[in-house]
Amino acid sequence: TDAYLWCPHKREMAEKLGHKVLPLAPYSPELNPIEKVWANIKRYLRTVLSDYARFDDALLSYFNFN
């Protein structure tokens, strides 16, 4: 089965609005910009995780730009 068919309702809604749903390759981070964001977050966490007692504090520190 094609991965992009996992939610027929959303596919049908997109097609009703005149959009064509295309499948992505199984692993295609260059076509999915959020993958770059996750890579940056993971890289950051590897450098600061030992400075925090809790993971959620370390994660939130990524978004603290002060």
PDB file of N, CA and C in Angstrom:
ATOM      1  N   THR A   1       0.833  -1.188   0.000  1.00  0.00           N
ATOM      2  CA  THR A   1       0.000   0.000   0.000  1.00  0.00           C
ATOM      3  C   THR A   1       0.873   1.245   0.000  1.00  0.00           C
ATOM      4  N   ASP A   2       0.372   2.286  -0.584  1.00  0.00           N
ATOM      5  CA  ASP A   2       1.107   3.545  -0.610  1.00  0.00           C
ATOM      6  C   ASP A   2       0.870   4.308   0.683  1.00  0.00           C
ATOM      7  N   ALA A   3       1.950   4.854   1.239  1.00  0.00           N
ATOM      8  CA  ALA A   3       1.865   5.555   2.519  1.00  0.00           C
ATOM      9  C   ALA A   3       0.931   6.761   2.445  1.00  0.00           C
ATOM     10  N   TYR A   4       0.837   7.401   1.289  1.00  0.00           N
ATOM     11  CA  TYR A   4       0.021   8.612   1.202  1.00  0.00           C
ATOM     12  C   TYR A   4      -1.470   8.320   1.200  1.00  0.00           C
ATOM     13  N   LEU A   5      -1.854   7.068   1.164  1.00  0.00           N
ATOM     14  CA  LEU A   5      -3.275   6.710   1.195  1.00  0.00           C
ATOM     15  C   LEU A   5      -3.765   6.437   2.611  1.00  0.00           C
ATOM     16  N   TRP A   6      -2.935   6.699   3.614  1.00  0.00           N
ATOM     17  CA  TRP A   6      -3.291   6.367   4.991  1.00  0.00           C
ATOM     18  C   TRP A   6      -4.521   7.118   5.472  1.00  0.00           C
ATOM     19  N   CYS A   7      -4.816   8.251   4.891  1.00  0.00           N
ATOM     20  CA  CYS A   7      -5.983   9.018   5.333  1.00  0.00           C
ATOM     21  C   CYS A   7      -6.820   9.416   4.119  1.00  0.00           C
ATOM     22  N   PRO A   8      -7.683   8.539   3.660  1.00  0.00           N
ATOM     23  CA  PRO A   8      -8.483   8.825   2.467  1.00  0.00           C
ATOM     24  C   PRO A   8      -9.318  10.096   2.589  1.00  0.00           C
ATOM     25  N   HIS A   9      -9.800  10.409   3.789  1.00  0.00           N
ATOM     26  CA  HIS A   9     -10.622  11.612   3.978  1.00  0.00           C
ATOM     27  C   HIS A   9      -9.839  12.866   3.592  1.00  0.00           C
ATOM     28  N   LYS A  10      -8.603  12.964   4.050  1.00  0.00           N
ATOM     29  CA  LYS A  10      -7.792  14.144   3.729  1.00  0.00           C
ATOM     30  C   LYS A  10      -7.450  14.187   2.248  1.00  0.00           C
ATOM     31  N   ARG A  11      -7.180  13.027   1.673  1.00  0.00           N
ATOM     32  CA  ARG A  11      -6.881  12.969   0.240  1.00  0.00           C
ATOM     33  C   ARG A  11      -8.095  13.437  -0.563  1.00  0.00           C
ATOM     34  N   GLU A  12      -9.279  12.948  -0.195  1.00  0.00           N
ATOM     35  CA  GLU A  12     -10.507  13.341  -0.892  1.00  0.00           C
ATOM     36  C   GLU A  12     -10.769  14.836  -0.746  1.00  0.00           C
ATOM     37  N   MET A  13     -10.546  15.376   0.451  1.00  0.00           N
ATOM     38  CA  MET A  13     -10.753  16.798   0.678  1.00  0.00           C
ATOM     39  C   MET A  13      -9.809  17.623  -0.206  1.00  0.00           C
ATOM     40  N   ALA A  14      -8.556  17.222  -0.280  1.00  0.00           N
ATOM     41  CA  ALA A  14      -7.590  17.943  -1.111  1.00  0.00           C
ATOM     42  C   ALA A  14      -7.999  17.888  -2.579  1.00  0.00           C
ATOM     43  N   GLU A  15      -8.427  16.719  -3.030  1.00  0.00           N
ATOM     44  CA  GLU A  15      -8.818  16.570  -4.431  1.00  0.00           C
ATOM     45  C   GLU A  15     -10.075  17.383  -4.756  1.00  0.00           C
ATOM     46  N   LYS A  16     -11.007  17.489  -3.804  1.00  0.00           N
ATOM     47  CA  LYS A  16     -12.202  18.312  -4.020  1.00  0.00           C
ATOM     48  C   LYS A  16     -11.843  19.781  -4.189  1.00  0.00           C
ATOM     49  N   LEU A  17     -10.751  20.191  -3.564  1.00  0.00           N
ATOM     50  CA  LEU A  17     -10.295  21.578  -3.663  1.00  0.00           C
ATOM     51  C   LEU A  17      -9.389  21.797  -4.869  1.00  0.00           C
ATOM     52  N   GLY A  18      -9.251  20.764  -5.701  1.00  0.00           N
ATOM     53  CA  GLY A  18      -8.469  20.899  -6.921  1.00  0.00           C
ATOM     54  C   GLY A  18      -6.994  20.581  -6.775  1.00  0.00           C
ATOM     55  N   HIS A  19      -6.613  19.985  -5.644  1.00  0.00           N
ATOM     56  CA  HIS A  19      -5.216  19.620  -5.429  1.00  0.00           C
ATOM     57  C   HIS A  19      -5.009  18.159  -5.787  1.00  0.00           C
ATOM     58  N   LYS A  20      -3.841  17.830  -6.249  1.00  0.00           N
ATOM     59  CA  LYS A  20      -3.498  16.441  -6.524  1.00  0.00           C
ATOM     60  C   LYS A  20      -2.512  15.977  -5.461  1.00  0.00           C
ATOM     61  N   VAL A  21      -2.810  14.859  -4.823  1.00  0.00           N
ATOM     62  CA  VAL A  21      -1.959  14.320  -3.773  1.00  0.00           C
ATOM     63  C   VAL A  21      -0.917  13.415  -4.408  1.00  0.00           C
ATOM     64  N   LEU A  22       0.331  13.731  -4.154  1.00  0.00           N
ATOM     65  CA  LEU A  22       1.433  12.943  -4.702  1.00  0.00           C
ATOM     66  C   LEU A  22       2.158  12.223  -3.577  1.00  0.00           C
ATOM     67  N   PRO A  23       2.606  11.011  -3.823  1.00  0.00           N
ATOM     68  CA  PRO A  23       3.340  10.289  -2.787  1.00  0.00           C
ATOM     69  C   PRO A  23       4.774  10.800  -2.678  1.00  0.00           C
ATOM     70  N   LEU A  24       5.322  10.721  -1.477  1.00  0.00           N
ATOM     71  CA  LEU A  24       6.734  11.001  -1.271  1.00  0.00           C
ATOM     72  C   LEU A  24       7.492   9.682  -1.296  1.00  0.00           C
ATOM     73  N   ALA A  25       8.749   9.762  -1.615  1.00  0.00           N
ATOM     74  CA  ALA A  25       9.600   8.581  -1.513  1.00  0.00           C
ATOM     75  C   ALA A  25       9.641   8.172  -0.040  1.00  0.00           C
ATOM     76  N   PRO A  26       9.913   6.901   0.252  1.00  0.00           N
ATOM     77  CA  PRO A  26       9.893   6.442   1.638  1.00  0.00           C
ATOM     78  C   PRO A  26      10.772   7.274   2.574  1.00  0.00           C
ATOM     79  N   TYR A  27      11.936   7.678   2.116  1.00  0.00           N
ATOM     80  CA  TYR A  27      12.797   8.525   2.940  1.00  0.00           C
ATOM     81  C   TYR A  27      13.258   9.672   2.067  1.00  0.00           C
ATOM     82  N   SER A  28      12.656  10.824   2.253  1.00  0.00           N
ATOM     83  CA  SER A  28      12.991  11.974   1.412  1.00  0.00           C
ATOM     84  C   SER A  28      13.005  13.249   2.246  1.00  0.00           C
ATOM     85  N   PRO A  29      13.988  13.394   3.159  1.00  0.00           N
ATOM     86  CA  PRO A  29      14.005  14.568   4.032  1.00  0.00           C
ATOM     87  C   PRO A  29      14.123  15.886   3.281  1.00  0.00           C
ATOM     88  N   GLU A  30      14.727  15.871   2.093  1.00  0.00           N
ATOM     89  CA  GLU A  30      14.858  17.114   1.333  1.00  0.00           C
ATOM     90  C   GLU A  30      13.503  17.617   0.838  1.00  0.00           C
ATOM     91  N   LEU A  31      12.505  16.742   0.810  1.00  0.00           N
ATOM     92  CA  LEU A  31      11.163  17.133   0.397  1.00  0.00           C
ATOM     93  C   LEU A  31      10.265  17.461   1.588  1.00  0.00           C
ATOM     94  N   ASN A  32      10.800  17.305   2.777  1.00  0.00           N
ATOM     95  CA  ASN A  32      10.029  17.535   3.988  1.00  0.00           C
ATOM     96  C   ASN A  32      10.815  18.483   4.894  1.00  0.00           C
ATOM     97  N   PRO A  33      10.576  19.788   4.793  1.00  0.00           N
ATOM     98  CA  PRO A  33      11.386  20.779   5.514  1.00  0.00           C
ATOM     99  C   PRO A  33      11.454  20.585   7.025  1.00  0.00           C
ATOM    100  N   ILE A  34      10.434  19.988   7.634  1.00  0.00           N
ATOM    101  CA  ILE A  34      10.470  19.806   9.088  1.00  0.00           C
ATOM    102  C   ILE A  34      11.631  18.909   9.490  1.00  0.00           C
ATOM    103  N   GLU A  35      12.096  18.051   8.581  1.00  0.00           N
ATOM    104  CA  GLU A  35      13.231  17.181   8.892  1.00  0.00           C
ATOM    105  C   GLU A  35      14.473  17.999   9.220  1.00  0.00           C
ATOM    106  N   LYS A  36      14.653  19.134   8.554  1.00  0.00           N
ATOM    107  CA  LYS A  36      15.804  19.998   8.855  1.00  0.00           C
ATOM    108  C   LYS A  36      15.661  20.624  10.237  1.00  0.00           C
ATOM    109  N   VAL A  37      14.438  20.975  10.600  1.00  0.00           N
ATOM    110  CA  VAL A  37      14.200  21.535  11.931  1.00  0.00           C
ATOM    111  C   VAL A  37      14.529  20.501  12.997  1.00  0.00           C
ATOM    112  N   TRP A  38      14.029  19.270  12.817  1.00  0.00           N
ATOM    113  CA  TRP A  38      14.314  18.215  13.793  1.00  0.00           C
ATOM    114  C   TRP A  38      15.807  17.943  13.883  1.00  0.00           C
ATOM    115  N   ALA A  39      16.503  17.963  12.765  1.00  0.00           N
ATOM    116  CA  ALA A  39      17.949  17.740  12.777  1.00  0.00           C
ATOM    117  C   ALA A  39      18.646  18.822  13.591  1.00  0.00           C
ATOM    118  N   ASN A  40      18.229  20.074  13.430  1.00  0.00           N
ATOM    119  CA  ASN A  40      18.823  21.165  14.212  1.00  0.00           C
ATOM    120  C   ASN A  40      18.541  21.013  15.702  1.00  0.00           C
ATOM    121  N   ILE A  41      17.317  20.641  16.036  1.00  0.00           N
ATOM    122  CA  ILE A  41      16.962  20.454  17.444  1.00  0.00           C
ATOM    123  C   ILE A  41      17.780  19.322  18.047  1.00  0.00           C
ATOM    124  N   LYS A  42      17.889  18.201  17.341  1.00  0.00           N
ATOM    125  CA  LYS A  42      18.663  17.069  17.864  1.00  0.00           C
ATOM    126  C   LYS A  42      20.128  17.431  18.045  1.00  0.00           C
ATOM    127  N   ARG A  43      20.683  18.168  17.086  1.00  0.00           N
ATOM    128  CA  ARG A  43      22.083  18.594  17.186  1.00  0.00           C
ATOM    129  C   ARG A  43      22.276  19.478  18.420  1.00  0.00           C
ATOM    130  N   TYR A  44      21.359  20.406  18.629  1.00  0.00           N
ATOM    131  CA  TYR A  44      21.418  21.286  19.791  1.00  0.00           C
ATOM    132  C   TYR A  44      21.326  20.477  21.086  1.00  0.00           C
ATOM    133  N   LEU A  45      20.365  19.556  21.150  1.00  0.00           N
ATOM    134  CA  LEU A  45      20.166  18.776  22.372  1.00  0.00           C
ATOM    135  C   LEU A  45      21.384  17.937  22.717  1.00  0.00           C
ATOM    136  N   ARG A  46      22.069  17.420  21.711  1.00  0.00           N
ATOM    137  CA  ARG A  46      23.278  16.641  21.991  1.00  0.00           C
ATOM    138  C   ARG A  46      24.336  17.485  22.695  1.00  0.00           C
ATOM    139  N   THR A  47      24.353  18.782  22.425  1.00  0.00           N
ATOM    140  CA  THR A  47      25.370  19.640  23.032  1.00  0.00           C
ATOM    141  C   THR A  47      24.986  20.144  24.417  1.00  0.00           C
ATOM    142  N   VAL A  48      23.690  20.234  24.733  1.00  0.00           N
ATOM    143  CA  VAL A  48      23.281  20.840  26.007  1.00  0.00           C
ATOM    144  C   VAL A  48      22.578  19.886  26.963  1.00  0.00           C
ATOM    145  N   LEU A  49      22.259  18.702  26.548  1.00  0.00           N
ATOM    146  CA  LEU A  49      21.426  17.817  27.367  1.00  0.00           C
ATOM    147  C   LEU A  49      22.033  17.554  28.742  1.00  0.00           C
ATOM    148  N   SER A  50      23.337  17.416  28.821  1.00  0.00           N
ATOM    149  CA  SER A  50      23.964  17.129  30.117  1.00  0.00           C
ATOM    150  C   SER A  50      23.891  18.322  31.074  1.00  0.00           C
ATOM    151  N   ASP A  51      23.563  19.497  30.577  1.00  0.00           N
ATOM    152  CA  ASP A  51      23.445  20.693  31.421  1.00  0.00           C
ATOM    153  C   ASP A  51      22.086  20.785  32.117  1.00  0.00           C
ATOM    154  N   TYR A  52      21.151  19.935  31.770  1.00  0.00           N
ATOM    155  CA  TYR A  52      19.791  20.009  32.303  1.00  0.00           C
ATOM    156  C   TYR A  52      19.430  18.722  33.030  1.00  0.00           C
ATOM    157  N   ALA A  53      18.666  18.866  34.115  1.00  0.00           N
ATOM    158  CA  ALA A  53      18.203  17.703  34.869  1.00  0.00           C
ATOM    159  C   ALA A  53      17.026  17.031  34.176  1.00  0.00           C
ATOM    160  N   ARG A  54      16.269  17.818  33.408  1.00  0.00           N
ATOM    161  CA  ARG A  54      15.074  17.285  32.750  1.00  0.00           C
ATOM    162  C   ARG A  54      15.151  17.528  31.252  1.00  0.00           C
ATOM    163  N   PHE A  55      14.694  16.528  30.490  1.00  0.00           N
ATOM    164  CA  PHE A  55      14.710  16.636  29.030  1.00  0.00           C
ATOM    165  C   PHE A  55      13.848  17.792  28.542  1.00  0.00           C
ATOM    166  N   ASP A  56      12.658  17.948  29.131  1.00  0.00           N
ATOM    167  CA  ASP A  56      11.772  19.010  28.641  1.00  0.00           C
ATOM    168  C   ASP A  56      12.374  20.398  28.851  1.00  0.00           C
ATOM    169  N   ASP A  57      13.152  20.589  29.919  1.00  0.00           N
ATOM    170  CA  ASP A  57      13.828  21.873  30.111  1.00  0.00           C
ATOM    171  C   ASP A  57      14.876  22.101  29.023  1.00  0.00           C
ATOM    172  N   ALA A  58      15.599  21.050  28.673  1.00  0.00           N
ATOM    173  CA  ALA A  58      16.597  21.167  27.604  1.00  0.00           C
ATOM    174  C   ALA A  58      15.918  21.489  26.281  1.00  0.00           C
ATOM    175  N   LEU A  59      14.820  20.816  26.008  1.00  0.00           N
ATOM    176  CA  LEU A  59      14.098  21.066  24.761  1.00  0.00           C
ATOM    177  C   LEU A  59      13.559  22.492  24.708  1.00  0.00           C
ATOM    178  N   LEU A  60      12.971  22.941  25.793  1.00  0.00           N
ATOM    179  CA  LEU A  60      12.441  24.306  25.824  1.00  0.00           C
ATOM    180  C   LEU A  60      13.549  25.343  25.691  1.00  0.00           C
ATOM    181  N   SER A  61      14.747  25.022  26.149  1.00  0.00           N
ATOM    182  CA  SER A  61      15.850  25.977  26.031  1.00  0.00           C
ATOM    183  C   SER A  61      16.206  26.235  24.571  1.00  0.00           C
ATOM    184  N   TYR A  62      15.904  25.295  23.698  1.00  0.00           N
ATOM    185  CA  TYR A  62      16.155  25.497  22.267  1.00  0.00           C
ATOM    186  C   TYR A  62      15.360  26.693  21.748  1.00  0.00           C
ATOM    187  N   PHE A  63      14.176  26.879  22.282  1.00  0.00           N
ATOM    188  CA  PHE A  63      13.284  27.929  21.803  1.00  0.00           C
ATOM    189  C   PHE A  63      13.439  29.240  22.570  1.00  0.00           C
ATOM    190  N   ASN A  64      14.329  29.264  23.545  1.00  0.00           N
ATOM    191  CA  ASN A  64      14.570  30.470  24.335  1.00  0.00           C
ATOM    192  C   ASN A  64      15.659  31.288  23.657  1.00  0.00           C
ATOM    193  N   PHE A  65      15.290  32.400  23.062  1.00  0.00           N
ATOM    194  CA  PHE A  65      16.239  33.199  22.288  1.00  0.00           C
ATOM    195  C   PHE A  65      16.735  34.415  23.057  1.00  0.00           C
ATOM    196  N   ASN A  66      16.568  34.474  24.364  1.00  0.00           N
ATOM    197  CA  ASN A  66      17.010  35.620  25.171  1.00  0.00           C
ATOM    198  C   ASN A  66      18.508  35.610  25.345  1.00  0.00           C
TER     199      ASN A  66
END
